[in-house]
């Protein structure tokens, strides 16, 4: 059976700063993702939702009615208007909705929303017990009833970044990793990205930051903040292992253009340093955590930025606020979220407005 190609049908993935109808999340419950206690994770989610619900609806997955009631109590304590929250009872495994949830597409001419359902293999089959999250997009579409496109290849939402005008940015470490799509080369992957996300121009950075179990997700190293501007993570300490990695990526960005051949404007974002005890994830005690301020979420009226109680927090918030003068930048302490391997951008997925 011949596959329908979204790009040929007029669909594309909008940029994150374009208007949203809603943001999707899944409420935390798994102690493996929250080493300091699930309640700490719940408080972070309540903060995220408390900062975003006024400007976009919140579509929140919970595992059962008991969890719905528990989540509601946290949100009420944050003075969240529950009429802005749609609870969905679902059988999900983890909180990384950006990676296992669908990517939404729009067709501006027809005023239609669609979704792409990629294969989610839990970052190269690292945690097989979490693979049931691959079923979430199809489950969502039982009630959303959108056009749904299934490319049949592995891809996580945190591995790609678009400017909404035809350019996509990603990393070789992730998308060319043999634990994702070993039979596909770069050109073949670009063809899938072009067909299913409506892009035509590619920027390939090299590697992601150290200790990143996602194998180099782009949302920790470089983000589009408008069609021609990229905010990039950079480590000034030459003795830090991230220095050379991020320096190499910067070289590529300096030589890159948008889809029209225009040079990119680049904004430097400092890097935090944080170490923790999660040997199952990172191999040794007191090891580095994959922390980055680039893992922010751009909402309709706010930008939610992860902070880590580091000296660099205020500088990072200042850089991001200057870049988004029309939005309020809100810092959210994510130290009790990062032990699971991600932060704010990883747990959210925007549903664009038409």
C-alpha atoms as a PDB file:
ATOM      1  CA  UNK A   1       0.000   0.000   0.000  1.00  0.00           C
ATOM      2  CA  UNK A   2       1.411   3.384  -1.025  1.00  0.00           C
ATOM      3  CA  UNK A   3       2.168   5.708   1.871  1.00  0.00           C
ATOM      4  CA  UNK A   4       0.699   9.203   1.969  1.00  0.00           C
ATOM      5  CA  UNK A   5       3.455  11.799   2.268  1.00  0.00           C
ATOM      6  CA  UNK A   6       2.596  14.757   4.544  1.00  0.00           C
ATOM      7  CA  UNK A   7       4.797  17.230   2.650  1.00  0.00           C
ATOM      8  CA  UNK A   8       3.029  16.488  -0.625  1.00  0.00           C
ATOM      9  CA  UNK A   9      -0.297  17.026   1.117  1.00  0.00           C
ATOM     10  CA  UNK A  10       0.725  20.465   2.385  1.00  0.00           C
ATOM     11  CA  UNK A  11       1.641  19.557   5.968  1.00  0.00           C
ATOM     12  CA  UNK A  12       4.717  20.754   7.867  1.00  0.00           C
ATOM     13  CA  UNK A  13       6.032  21.045  11.425  1.00  0.00           C
ATOM     14  CA  UNK A  14       5.746  24.630  12.720  1.00  0.00           C
ATOM     15  CA  UNK A  15       8.425  26.262  14.858  1.00  0.00           C
ATOM     16  CA  UNK A  16       7.981  26.000  18.617  1.00  0.00           C
ATOM     17  CA  UNK A  17       7.547  29.767  19.112  1.00  0.00           C
ATOM     18  CA  UNK A  18       4.476  29.772  16.844  1.00  0.00           C
ATOM     19  CA  UNK A  19       1.114  29.747  18.569  1.00  0.00           C
ATOM     20  CA  UNK A  20       0.009  26.608  20.425  1.00  0.00           C
ATOM     21  CA  UNK A  21      -3.418  25.295  21.278  1.00  0.00           C
ATOM     22  CA  UNK A  22      -2.060  23.042  24.018  1.00  0.00           C
ATOM     23  CA  UNK A  23       0.945  21.383  25.614  1.00  0.00           C
ATOM     24  CA  UNK A  24       1.050  17.635  26.320  1.00  0.00           C
ATOM     25  CA  UNK A  25       2.694  15.994  29.363  1.00  0.00           C
ATOM     26  CA  UNK A  26       2.500  12.725  31.297  1.00  0.00           C
ATOM     27  CA  UNK A  27       2.351  12.920  35.111  1.00  0.00           C
ATOM     28  CA  UNK A  28       5.333  11.367  36.948  1.00  0.00           C
ATOM     29  CA  UNK A  29       5.090   8.209  39.045  1.00  0.00           C
ATOM     30  CA  UNK A  30       8.227   6.099  38.425  1.00  0.00           C
ATOM     31  CA  UNK A  31      10.908   6.264  41.182  1.00  0.00           C
ATOM     32  CA  UNK A  32      13.565   5.224  38.645  1.00  0.00           C
ATOM     33  CA  UNK A  33      13.171   8.632  36.999  1.00  0.00           C
ATOM     34  CA  UNK A  34      12.997  10.530  40.289  1.00  0.00           C
ATOM     35  CA  UNK A  35      15.781   9.313  42.552  1.00  0.00           C
ATOM     36  CA  UNK A  36      15.039  11.889  45.260  1.00  0.00           C
ATOM     37  CA  UNK A  37      11.383  10.916  45.427  1.00  0.00           C
ATOM     38  CA  UNK A  38       8.460  10.960  42.995  1.00  0.00           C
ATOM     39  CA  UNK A  39       6.869  13.740  45.045  1.00  0.00           C
ATOM     40  CA  UNK A  40       9.784  15.992  44.061  1.00  0.00           C
ATOM     41  CA  UNK A  41       8.993  15.256  40.417  1.00  0.00           C
ATOM     42  CA  UNK A  42       5.315  15.970  40.977  1.00  0.00           C
ATOM     43  CA  UNK A  43       6.166  19.363  42.439  1.00  0.00           C
ATOM     44  CA  UNK A  44       8.236  20.208  39.352  1.00  0.00           C
ATOM     45  CA  UNK A  45       5.385  19.196  37.055  1.00  0.00           C
ATOM     46  CA  UNK A  46       2.973  21.309  39.092  1.00  0.00           C
ATOM     47  CA  UNK A  47       5.352  24.259  38.658  1.00  0.00           C
ATOM     48  CA  UNK A  48       5.601  23.678  34.908  1.00  0.00           C
ATOM     49  CA  UNK A  49       1.839  23.462  34.520  1.00  0.00           C
ATOM     50  CA  UNK A  50       1.293  26.387  36.881  1.00  0.00           C
ATOM     51  CA  UNK A  51       3.488  28.566  34.683  1.00  0.00           C
ATOM     52  CA  UNK A  52       1.942  27.559  31.360  1.00  0.00           C
ATOM     53  CA  UNK A  53      -1.777  26.832  31.801  1.00  0.00           C
ATOM     54  CA  UNK A  54      -3.027  30.414  31.382  1.00  0.00           C
ATOM     55  CA  UNK A  55      -1.661  30.751  27.860  1.00  0.00           C
ATOM     56  CA  UNK A  56      -2.255  27.248  26.490  1.00  0.00           C
ATOM     57  CA  UNK A  57      -4.413  24.309  27.485  1.00  0.00           C
ATOM     58  CA  UNK A  58      -2.691  21.416  29.235  1.00  0.00           C
ATOM     59  CA  UNK A  59      -3.341  17.871  28.013  1.00  0.00           C
ATOM     60  CA  UNK A  60      -2.151  15.688  30.877  1.00  0.00           C
ATOM     61  CA  UNK A  61      -1.776  11.909  30.869  1.00  0.00           C
ATOM     62  CA  UNK A  62      -2.405  10.077  34.144  1.00  0.00           C
ATOM     63  CA  UNK A  63      -2.417   6.337  34.718  1.00  0.00           C
ATOM     64  CA  UNK A  64      -5.662   6.058  36.680  1.00  0.00           C
ATOM     65  CA  UNK A  65      -8.272   8.066  38.578  1.00  0.00           C
ATOM     66  CA  UNK A  66      -6.262   7.875  41.798  1.00  0.00           C
ATOM     67  CA  UNK A  67      -3.324   9.545  40.025  1.00  0.00           C
ATOM     68  CA  UNK A  68      -5.660  12.104  38.461  1.00  0.00           C
ATOM     69  CA  UNK A  69      -6.899  13.091  41.907  1.00  0.00           C
ATOM     70  CA  UNK A  70      -3.353  13.253  43.269  1.00  0.00           C
ATOM     71  CA  UNK A  71      -2.220  15.439  40.360  1.00  0.00           C
ATOM     72  CA  UNK A  72      -5.258  17.667  40.802  1.00  0.00           C
ATOM     73  CA  UNK A  73      -4.321  18.299  44.447  1.00  0.00           C
ATOM     74  CA  UNK A  74      -0.814  19.405  43.478  1.00  0.00           C
ATOM     75  CA  UNK A  75      -2.241  21.704  40.812  1.00  0.00           C
ATOM     76  CA  UNK A  76      -4.858  23.182  43.123  1.00  0.00           C
ATOM     77  CA  UNK A  77      -2.062  23.967  45.586  1.00  0.00           C
ATOM     78  CA  UNK A  78      -0.435  25.939  42.762  1.00  0.00           C
ATOM     79  CA  UNK A  79      -3.767  27.734  42.215  1.00  0.00           C
ATOM     80  CA  UNK A  80      -4.111  26.197  38.751  1.00  0.00           C
ATOM     81  CA  UNK A  81      -7.554  26.522  37.141  1.00  0.00           C
ATOM     82  CA  UNK A  82      -8.442  22.862  36.534  1.00  0.00           C
ATOM     83  CA  UNK A  83     -10.838  23.834  33.746  1.00  0.00           C
ATOM     84  CA  UNK A  84      -7.677  24.507  31.713  1.00  0.00           C
ATOM     85  CA  UNK A  85      -6.447  20.937  32.257  1.00  0.00           C
ATOM     86  CA  UNK A  86      -7.676  17.955  30.260  1.00  0.00           C
ATOM     87  CA  UNK A  87      -6.846  14.717  32.079  1.00  0.00           C
ATOM     88  CA  UNK A  88      -6.418  11.547  29.995  1.00  0.00           C
ATOM     89  CA  UNK A  89      -6.196   8.125  31.648  1.00  0.00           C
ATOM     90  CA  UNK A  90      -3.556   6.171  29.721  1.00  0.00           C
ATOM     91  CA  UNK A  91      -1.184   3.229  30.168  1.00  0.00           C
ATOM     92  CA  UNK A  92       2.184   4.954  29.782  1.00  0.00           C
ATOM     93  CA  UNK A  93       5.609   4.143  31.200  1.00  0.00           C
ATOM     94  CA  UNK A  94       7.507   7.411  31.622  1.00  0.00           C
ATOM     95  CA  UNK A  95       7.457  11.205  31.437  1.00  0.00           C
ATOM     96  CA  UNK A  96       9.531  11.901  28.310  1.00  0.00           C
ATOM     97  CA  UNK A  97       6.581  12.917  26.178  1.00  0.00           C
ATOM     98  CA  UNK A  98       8.715  14.914  23.741  1.00  0.00           C
ATOM     99  CA  UNK A  99      10.378  11.696  22.657  1.00  0.00           C
ATOM    100  CA  UNK A 100       7.576   9.120  22.577  1.00  0.00           C
ATOM    101  CA  UNK A 101       4.614  11.372  21.803  1.00  0.00           C
ATOM    102  CA  UNK A 102       3.606  12.397  18.275  1.00  0.00           C
ATOM    103  CA  UNK A 103       4.990  15.342  16.390  1.00  0.00           C
ATOM    104  CA  UNK A 104       2.127  17.561  15.281  1.00  0.00           C
ATOM    105  CA  UNK A 105       1.911  18.972  11.774  1.00  0.00           C
ATOM    106  CA  UNK A 106      -0.288  21.692  10.319  1.00  0.00           C
ATOM    107  CA  UNK A 107      -1.768  22.405   6.913  1.00  0.00           C
ATOM    108  CA  UNK A 108      -2.322  26.152   6.917  1.00  0.00           C
ATOM    109  CA  UNK A 109      -4.385  26.230   3.728  1.00  0.00           C
ATOM    110  CA  UNK A 110      -6.841  23.559   4.821  1.00  0.00           C
ATOM    111  CA  UNK A 111      -6.693  24.549   8.519  1.00  0.00           C
ATOM    112  CA  UNK A 112      -5.964  20.951   9.444  1.00  0.00           C
ATOM    113  CA  UNK A 113      -3.861  19.350  12.181  1.00  0.00           C
ATOM    114  CA  UNK A 114      -2.127  15.997  11.747  1.00  0.00           C
ATOM    115  CA  UNK A 115       0.391  13.879  13.640  1.00  0.00           C
ATOM    116  CA  UNK A 116       3.466  11.815  12.831  1.00  0.00           C
ATOM    117  CA  UNK A 117       3.847   8.553  14.745  1.00  0.00           C
ATOM    118  CA  UNK A 118       7.531   7.602  14.697  1.00  0.00           C
ATOM    119  CA  UNK A 119       8.903   4.383  16.163  1.00  0.00           C
ATOM    120  CA  UNK A 120      10.133   4.908  19.727  1.00  0.00           C
ATOM    121  CA  UNK A 121      12.751   2.319  20.698  1.00  0.00           C
ATOM    122  CA  UNK A 122      13.752   3.976  23.998  1.00  0.00           C
ATOM    123  CA  UNK A 123      17.037   5.537  22.877  1.00  0.00           C
ATOM    124  CA  UNK A 124      18.454   2.539  21.083  1.00  0.00           C
ATOM    125  CA  UNK A 125      16.755  -0.186  23.155  1.00  0.00           C
ATOM    126  CA  UNK A 126      18.351   0.976  26.412  1.00  0.00           C
ATOM    127  CA  UNK A 127      15.266   0.323  28.579  1.00  0.00           C
ATOM    128  CA  UNK A 128      12.979  -2.300  26.982  1.00  0.00           C
ATOM    129  CA  UNK A 129      10.507  -2.027  29.869  1.00  0.00           C
ATOM    130  CA  UNK A 130       9.588   1.468  28.642  1.00  0.00           C
ATOM    131  CA  UNK A 131       8.787   0.452  25.067  1.00  0.00           C
ATOM    132  CA  UNK A 132       5.030   0.523  25.551  1.00  0.00           C
ATOM    133  CA  UNK A 133       5.251   4.314  25.258  1.00  0.00           C
ATOM    134  CA  UNK A 134       5.646   3.722  21.523  1.00  0.00           C
ATOM    135  CA  UNK A 135       1.873   3.102  21.453  1.00  0.00           C
ATOM    136  CA  UNK A 136       0.873   6.492  22.873  1.00  0.00           C
ATOM    137  CA  UNK A 137       0.456   8.411  19.566  1.00  0.00           C
ATOM    138  CA  UNK A 138      -1.916   5.786  18.140  1.00  0.00           C
ATOM    139  CA  UNK A 139      -3.803   5.721  21.444  1.00  0.00           C
ATOM    140  CA  UNK A 140      -4.132   9.525  21.385  1.00  0.00           C
ATOM    141  CA  UNK A 141      -5.522   9.458  17.884  1.00  0.00           C
ATOM    142  CA  UNK A 142      -8.409   7.230  18.916  1.00  0.00           C
ATOM    143  CA  UNK A 143     -10.013  10.376  20.328  1.00  0.00           C
ATOM    144  CA  UNK A 144      -8.179  13.119  18.408  1.00  0.00           C
ATOM    145  CA  UNK A 145      -9.078  11.526  15.062  1.00  0.00           C
ATOM    146  CA  UNK A 146      -6.410  13.338  13.051  1.00  0.00           C
ATOM    147  CA  UNK A 147      -4.658  12.315   9.895  1.00  0.00           C
ATOM    148  CA  UNK A 148      -1.809  10.166  11.221  1.00  0.00           C
ATOM    149  CA  UNK A 149       1.378   9.394   9.306  1.00  0.00           C
ATOM    150  CA  UNK A 150       3.704   6.517  10.202  1.00  0.00           C
ATOM    151  CA  UNK A 151       7.163   6.718   8.557  1.00  0.00           C
ATOM    152  CA  UNK A 152       8.266   3.381  10.033  1.00  0.00           C
ATOM    153  CA  UNK A 153      11.628   4.655  11.292  1.00  0.00           C
ATOM    154  CA  UNK A 154      12.969   5.428  14.769  1.00  0.00           C
ATOM    155  CA  UNK A 155      12.990   9.061  15.869  1.00  0.00           C
ATOM    156  CA  UNK A 156      12.537  10.966  19.130  1.00  0.00           C
ATOM    157  CA  UNK A 157      11.117  14.482  19.224  1.00  0.00           C
ATOM    158  CA  UNK A 158      14.073  15.828  21.197  1.00  0.00           C
ATOM    159  CA  UNK A 159      16.449  14.878  18.396  1.00  0.00           C
ATOM    160  CA  UNK A 160      15.153  17.440  15.894  1.00  0.00           C
ATOM    161  CA  UNK A 161      14.717  21.213  15.883  1.00  0.00           C
ATOM    162  CA  UNK A 162      12.981  23.235  13.131  1.00  0.00           C
ATOM    163  CA  UNK A 163      12.683  26.916  12.264  1.00  0.00           C
ATOM    164  CA  UNK A 164       9.259  26.436  10.675  1.00  0.00           C
ATOM    165  CA  UNK A 165      10.489  27.784   7.342  1.00  0.00           C
ATOM    166  CA  UNK A 166      12.141  24.690   5.926  1.00  0.00           C
ATOM    167  CA  UNK A 167      15.310  24.159   7.988  1.00  0.00           C
ATOM    168  CA  UNK A 168      15.877  21.274  10.398  1.00  0.00           C
ATOM    169  CA  UNK A 169      18.770  20.941  12.821  1.00  0.00           C
ATOM    170  CA  UNK A 170      19.901  17.666  14.386  1.00  0.00           C
ATOM    171  CA  UNK A 171      23.021  15.753  15.441  1.00  0.00           C
ATOM    172  CA  UNK A 172      24.950  12.974  13.748  1.00  0.00           C
ATOM    173  CA  UNK A 173      25.536  11.226  17.067  1.00  0.00           C
ATOM    174  CA  UNK A 174      21.820  10.600  17.442  1.00  0.00           C
ATOM    175  CA  UNK A 175      20.207  10.280  14.020  1.00  0.00           C
ATOM    176  CA  UNK A 176      23.118   8.391  12.450  1.00  0.00           C
ATOM    177  CA  UNK A 177      23.522   6.118  15.475  1.00  0.00           C
ATOM    178  CA  UNK A 178      23.403   2.429  14.579  1.00  0.00           C
ATOM    179  CA  UNK A 179      21.061   1.804  17.499  1.00  0.00           C
ATOM    180  CA  UNK A 180      18.314   3.802  15.750  1.00  0.00           C
ATOM    181  CA  UNK A 181      18.088   3.122  12.007  1.00  0.00           C
ATOM    182  CA  UNK A 182      21.172   1.061  11.070  1.00  0.00           C
ATOM    183  CA  UNK A 183      20.046   0.459   7.468  1.00  0.00           C
ATOM    184  CA  UNK A 184      19.610   4.153   6.639  1.00  0.00           C
ATOM    185  CA  UNK A 185      22.331   6.597   5.613  1.00  0.00           C
ATOM    186  CA  UNK A 186      22.251  10.378   6.041  1.00  0.00           C
ATOM    187  CA  UNK A 187      20.580  11.074   2.689  1.00  0.00           C
ATOM    188  CA  UNK A 188      17.888   8.500   3.337  1.00  0.00           C
ATOM    189  CA  UNK A 189      17.167   9.937   6.771  1.00  0.00           C
ATOM    190  CA  UNK A 190      16.998  13.429   5.269  1.00  0.00           C
ATOM    191  CA  UNK A 191      14.412  12.150   2.796  1.00  0.00           C
ATOM    192  CA  UNK A 192      12.217  10.873   5.635  1.00  0.00           C
ATOM    193  CA  UNK A 193      12.590  14.156   7.536  1.00  0.00           C
ATOM    194  CA  UNK A 194      11.748  16.136   4.412  1.00  0.00           C
ATOM    195  CA  UNK A 195       8.709  14.013   3.535  1.00  0.00           C
ATOM    196  CA  UNK A 196       7.257  13.787   7.035  1.00  0.00           C
ATOM    197  CA  UNK A 197       8.145  17.167   8.556  1.00  0.00           C
ATOM    198  CA  UNK A 198       8.009  19.362   5.470  1.00  0.00           C
ATOM    199  CA  UNK A 199      11.629  20.546   5.592  1.00  0.00           C
ATOM    200  CA  UNK A 200      14.158  20.975   2.798  1.00  0.00           C
ATOM    201  CA  UNK A 201      17.421  22.167   4.379  1.00  0.00           C
ATOM    202  CA  UNK A 202      19.523  20.433   7.038  1.00  0.00           C
ATOM    203  CA  UNK A 203      22.092  21.455   9.634  1.00  0.00           C
ATOM    204  CA  UNK A 204      23.955  18.462  11.073  1.00  0.00           C
ATOM    205  CA  UNK A 205      25.852  19.115  14.296  1.00  0.00           C
ATOM    206  CA  UNK A 206      28.250  16.435  15.505  1.00  0.00           C
ATOM    207  CA  UNK A 207      27.828  15.289  19.117  1.00  0.00           C
ATOM    208  CA  UNK A 208      25.642  16.042  22.091  1.00  0.00           C
ATOM    209  CA  UNK A 209      26.789  16.822  25.609  1.00  0.00           C
ATOM    210  CA  UNK A 210      28.519  14.345  27.890  1.00  0.00           C
ATOM    211  CA  UNK A 211      26.434  11.833  29.884  1.00  0.00           C
ATOM    212  CA  UNK A 212      23.443  12.211  27.569  1.00  0.00           C
ATOM    213  CA  UNK A 213      21.766   8.793  27.346  1.00  0.00           C
ATOM    214  CA  UNK A 214      19.765  10.012  24.332  1.00  0.00           C
ATOM    215  CA  UNK A 215      22.970   9.925  22.264  1.00  0.00           C
ATOM    216  CA  UNK A 216      23.098  13.613  21.495  1.00  0.00           C
ATOM    217  CA  UNK A 217      19.640  15.160  21.405  1.00  0.00           C
ATOM    218  CA  UNK A 218      19.683  18.570  19.773  1.00  0.00           C
ATOM    219  CA  UNK A 219      17.480  20.160  22.440  1.00  0.00           C
ATOM    220  CA  UNK A 220      20.424  20.166  24.841  1.00  0.00           C
ATOM    221  CA  UNK A 221      22.893  21.817  22.478  1.00  0.00           C
ATOM    222  CA  UNK A 222      21.227  24.217  20.000  1.00  0.00           C
ATOM    223  CA  UNK A 223      17.757  25.738  19.591  1.00  0.00           C
ATOM    224  CA  UNK A 224      16.126  27.952  16.997  1.00  0.00           C
ATOM    225  CA  UNK A 225      14.561  30.983  18.682  1.00  0.00           C
ATOM    226  CA  UNK A 226      13.400  32.609  15.434  1.00  0.00           C
ATOM    227  CA  UNK A 227      13.776  31.649  11.750  1.00  0.00           C
ATOM    228  CA  UNK A 228      17.366  32.888  11.467  1.00  0.00           C
ATOM    229  CA  UNK A 229      18.709  32.738  15.031  1.00  0.00           C
ATOM    230  CA  UNK A 230      20.165  29.800  16.937  1.00  0.00           C
ATOM    231  CA  UNK A 231      20.888  29.811  20.658  1.00  0.00           C
ATOM    232  CA  UNK A 232      23.768  27.431  21.290  1.00  0.00           C
ATOM    233  CA  UNK A 233      25.193  25.865  24.441  1.00  0.00           C
ATOM    234  CA  UNK A 234      28.888  26.537  25.035  1.00  0.00           C
ATOM    235  CA  UNK A 235      31.335  25.464  27.729  1.00  0.00           C
ATOM    236  CA  UNK A 236      34.075  28.046  28.392  1.00  0.00           C
ATOM    237  CA  UNK A 237      36.148  25.777  30.652  1.00  0.00           C
ATOM    238  CA  UNK A 238      38.778  24.235  28.357  1.00  0.00           C
ATOM    239  CA  UNK A 239      39.383  21.441  30.852  1.00  0.00           C
ATOM    240  CA  UNK A 240      35.733  20.358  30.654  1.00  0.00           C
ATOM    241  CA  UNK A 241      34.947  17.568  28.206  1.00  0.00           C
ATOM    242  CA  UNK A 242      32.016  19.509  26.785  1.00  0.00           C
ATOM    243  CA  UNK A 243      34.312  22.320  25.648  1.00  0.00           C
ATOM    244  CA  UNK A 244      35.657  20.556  22.564  1.00  0.00           C
ATOM    245  CA  UNK A 245      32.296  18.961  21.729  1.00  0.00           C
ATOM    246  CA  UNK A 246      30.458  22.278  21.784  1.00  0.00           C
ATOM    247  CA  UNK A 247      33.312  24.112  20.072  1.00  0.00           C
ATOM    248  CA  UNK A 248      33.044  21.708  17.139  1.00  0.00           C
ATOM    249  CA  UNK A 249      29.313  22.289  16.941  1.00  0.00           C
ATOM    250  CA  UNK A 250      29.846  26.050  16.990  1.00  0.00           C
ATOM    251  CA  UNK A 251      32.215  25.786  14.025  1.00  0.00           C
ATOM    252  CA  UNK A 252      29.456  24.068  12.079  1.00  0.00           C
ATOM    253  CA  UNK A 253      26.858  26.664  13.083  1.00  0.00           C
ATOM    254  CA  UNK A 254      29.139  29.498  12.000  1.00  0.00           C
ATOM    255  CA  UNK A 255      29.343  27.927   8.547  1.00  0.00           C
ATOM    256  CA  UNK A 256      25.641  27.113   8.307  1.00  0.00           C
ATOM    257  CA  UNK A 257      22.779  28.987   6.704  1.00  0.00           C
ATOM    258  CA  UNK A 258      19.012  28.894   6.716  1.00  0.00           C
ATOM    259  CA  UNK A 259      17.012  27.452   3.810  1.00  0.00           C
ATOM    260  CA  UNK A 260      17.499  30.671   1.811  1.00  0.00           C
ATOM    261  CA  UNK A 261      21.269  30.783   2.223  1.00  0.00           C
ATOM    262  CA  UNK A 262      21.252  33.443   4.955  1.00  0.00           C
ATOM    263  CA  UNK A 263      23.916  33.163   7.646  1.00  0.00           C
ATOM    264  CA  UNK A 264      22.573  32.393  11.075  1.00  0.00           C
ATOM    265  CA  UNK A 265      22.621  34.803  13.980  1.00  0.00           C
ATOM    266  CA  UNK A 266      24.147  32.967  16.949  1.00  0.00           C
ATOM    267  CA  UNK A 267      23.519  33.575  20.655  1.00  0.00           C
ATOM    268  CA  UNK A 268      25.787  31.942  23.230  1.00  0.00           C
ATOM    269  CA  UNK A 269      24.219  30.187  26.205  1.00  0.00           C
ATOM    270  CA  UNK A 270      26.386  29.204  29.204  1.00  0.00           C
ATOM    271  CA  UNK A 271      26.564  25.641  30.458  1.00  0.00           C
ATOM    272  CA  UNK A 272      25.811  24.552  34.027  1.00  0.00           C
ATOM    273  CA  UNK A 273      27.741  21.793  35.755  1.00  0.00           C
ATOM    274  CA  UNK A 274      25.989  19.262  37.913  1.00  0.00           C
ATOM    275  CA  UNK A 275      27.057  15.879  39.238  1.00  0.00           C
ATOM    276  CA  UNK A 276      24.926  13.206  40.852  1.00  0.00           C
ATOM    277  CA  UNK A 277      24.678   9.593  41.954  1.00  0.00           C
ATOM    278  CA  UNK A 278      22.854   7.668  39.255  1.00  0.00           C
ATOM    279  CA  UNK A 279      25.332   4.918  38.300  1.00  0.00           C
ATOM    280  CA  UNK A 280      22.671   2.886  36.455  1.00  0.00           C
ATOM    281  CA  UNK A 281      22.391   5.740  33.973  1.00  0.00           C
ATOM    282  CA  UNK A 282      25.871   7.148  33.794  1.00  0.00           C
ATOM    283  CA  UNK A 283      28.172   4.379  34.897  1.00  0.00           C
ATOM    284  CA  UNK A 284      29.815   5.706  38.034  1.00  0.00           C
ATOM    285  CA  UNK A 285      29.099   7.372  41.350  1.00  0.00           C
ATOM    286  CA  UNK A 286      29.340  11.163  41.534  1.00  0.00           C
ATOM    287  CA  UNK A 287      29.171  11.296  37.757  1.00  0.00           C
ATOM    288  CA  UNK A 288      28.162  14.142  35.492  1.00  0.00           C
ATOM    289  CA  UNK A 289      24.513  14.785  34.745  1.00  0.00           C
ATOM    290  CA  UNK A 290      23.362  15.856  31.271  1.00  0.00           C
ATOM    291  CA  UNK A 291      22.306  19.367  32.224  1.00  0.00           C
ATOM    292  CA  UNK A 292      21.700  22.214  29.793  1.00  0.00           C
ATOM    293  CA  UNK A 293      19.783  25.477  29.821  1.00  0.00           C
ATOM    294  CA  UNK A 294      18.986  24.867  26.143  1.00  0.00           C
ATOM    295  CA  UNK A 295      16.329  22.391  27.257  1.00  0.00           C
ATOM    296  CA  UNK A 296      13.750  25.195  27.566  1.00  0.00           C
ATOM    297  CA  UNK A 297      10.133  25.177  26.371  1.00  0.00           C
ATOM    298  CA  UNK A 298       8.794  28.125  24.344  1.00  0.00           C
ATOM    299  CA  UNK A 299       5.165  28.711  25.292  1.00  0.00           C
ATOM    300  CA  UNK A 300       2.690  31.243  23.944  1.00  0.00           C
ATOM    301  CA  UNK A 301       3.455  33.822  26.636  1.00  0.00           C
ATOM    302  CA  UNK A 302       6.257  32.270  28.681  1.00  0.00           C
ATOM    303  CA  UNK A 303       9.566  30.465  28.213  1.00  0.00           C
ATOM    304  CA  UNK A 304      10.155  27.780  30.830  1.00  0.00           C
ATOM    305  CA  UNK A 305      13.864  27.337  31.547  1.00  0.00           C
ATOM    306  CA  UNK A 306      15.467  24.567  33.635  1.00  0.00           C
ATOM    307  CA  UNK A 307      17.726  25.806  36.429  1.00  0.00           C
ATOM    308  CA  UNK A 308      20.069  23.775  38.613  1.00  0.00           C
ATOM    309  CA  UNK A 309      21.059  25.963  41.577  1.00  0.00           C
ATOM    310  CA  UNK A 310      24.291  26.866  39.792  1.00  0.00           C
ATOM    311  CA  UNK A 311      26.190  30.130  39.548  1.00  0.00           C
ATOM    312  CA  UNK A 312      25.354  30.214  35.822  1.00  0.00           C
ATOM    313  CA  UNK A 313      21.562  30.128  36.336  1.00  0.00           C
ATOM    314  CA  UNK A 314      20.969  33.882  36.382  1.00  0.00           C
ATOM    315  CA  UNK A 315      23.223  34.541  33.401  1.00  0.00           C
ATOM    316  CA  UNK A 316      21.373  31.919  31.368  1.00  0.00           C
ATOM    317  CA  UNK A 317      17.963  33.306  32.344  1.00  0.00           C
ATOM    318  CA  UNK A 318      19.163  36.762  31.338  1.00  0.00           C
ATOM    319  CA  UNK A 319      20.348  35.610  27.913  1.00  0.00           C
ATOM    320  CA  UNK A 320      17.066  33.843  27.228  1.00  0.00           C
ATOM    321  CA  UNK A 321      14.918  36.740  28.497  1.00  0.00           C
ATOM    322  CA  UNK A 322      16.756  39.161  26.205  1.00  0.00           C
ATOM    323  CA  UNK A 323      16.089  36.833  23.271  1.00  0.00           C
ATOM    324  CA  UNK A 324      12.360  36.649  24.078  1.00  0.00           C
ATOM    325  CA  UNK A 325      11.310  40.224  24.969  1.00  0.00           C
ATOM    326  CA  UNK A 326       7.633  39.459  24.324  1.00  0.00           C
ATOM    327  CA  UNK A 327       7.526  36.476  26.686  1.00  0.00           C
ATOM    328  CA  UNK A 328       8.124  36.063  30.402  1.00  0.00           C
ATOM    329  CA  UNK A 329      11.066  33.777  31.187  1.00  0.00           C
ATOM    330  CA  UNK A 330      10.384  31.495  34.157  1.00  0.00           C
ATOM    331  CA  UNK A 331      13.181  29.473  35.756  1.00  0.00           C
ATOM    332  CA  UNK A 332      12.186  26.112  37.221  1.00  0.00           C
ATOM    333  CA  UNK A 333      14.585  24.165  39.456  1.00  0.00           C
ATOM    334  CA  UNK A 334      15.026  20.826  37.678  1.00  0.00           C
ATOM    335  CA  UNK A 335      17.619  19.179  39.922  1.00  0.00           C
ATOM    336  CA  UNK A 336      15.068  16.548  40.936  1.00  0.00           C
ATOM    337  CA  UNK A 337      14.095  15.907  37.312  1.00  0.00           C
ATOM    338  CA  UNK A 338      17.502  15.687  35.636  1.00  0.00           C
ATOM    339  CA  UNK A 339      18.469  12.446  37.414  1.00  0.00           C
ATOM    340  CA  UNK A 340      16.060  10.751  35.016  1.00  0.00           C
ATOM    341  CA  UNK A 341      18.028  12.125  32.090  1.00  0.00           C
ATOM    342  CA  UNK A 342      16.059  15.156  30.924  1.00  0.00           C
ATOM    343  CA  UNK A 343      14.298  18.353  31.884  1.00  0.00           C
ATOM    344  CA  UNK A 344      11.541  20.725  30.708  1.00  0.00           C
ATOM    345  CA  UNK A 345      11.708  20.391  26.930  1.00  0.00           C
ATOM    346  CA  UNK A 346      11.939  16.610  27.251  1.00  0.00           C
ATOM    347  CA  UNK A 347       8.657  16.311  29.159  1.00  0.00           C
ATOM    348  CA  UNK A 348       6.590  18.651  26.985  1.00  0.00           C
ATOM    349  CA  UNK A 349       5.226  18.537  23.442  1.00  0.00           C
ATOM    350  CA  UNK A 350       3.395  21.449  21.865  1.00  0.00           C
ATOM    351  CA  UNK A 351       0.169  21.106  19.887  1.00  0.00           C
ATOM    352  CA  UNK A 352       0.251  23.934  17.341  1.00  0.00           C
ATOM    353  CA  UNK A 353      -2.714  26.177  16.602  1.00  0.00           C
ATOM    354  CA  UNK A 354      -4.133  26.354  13.088  1.00  0.00           C
END
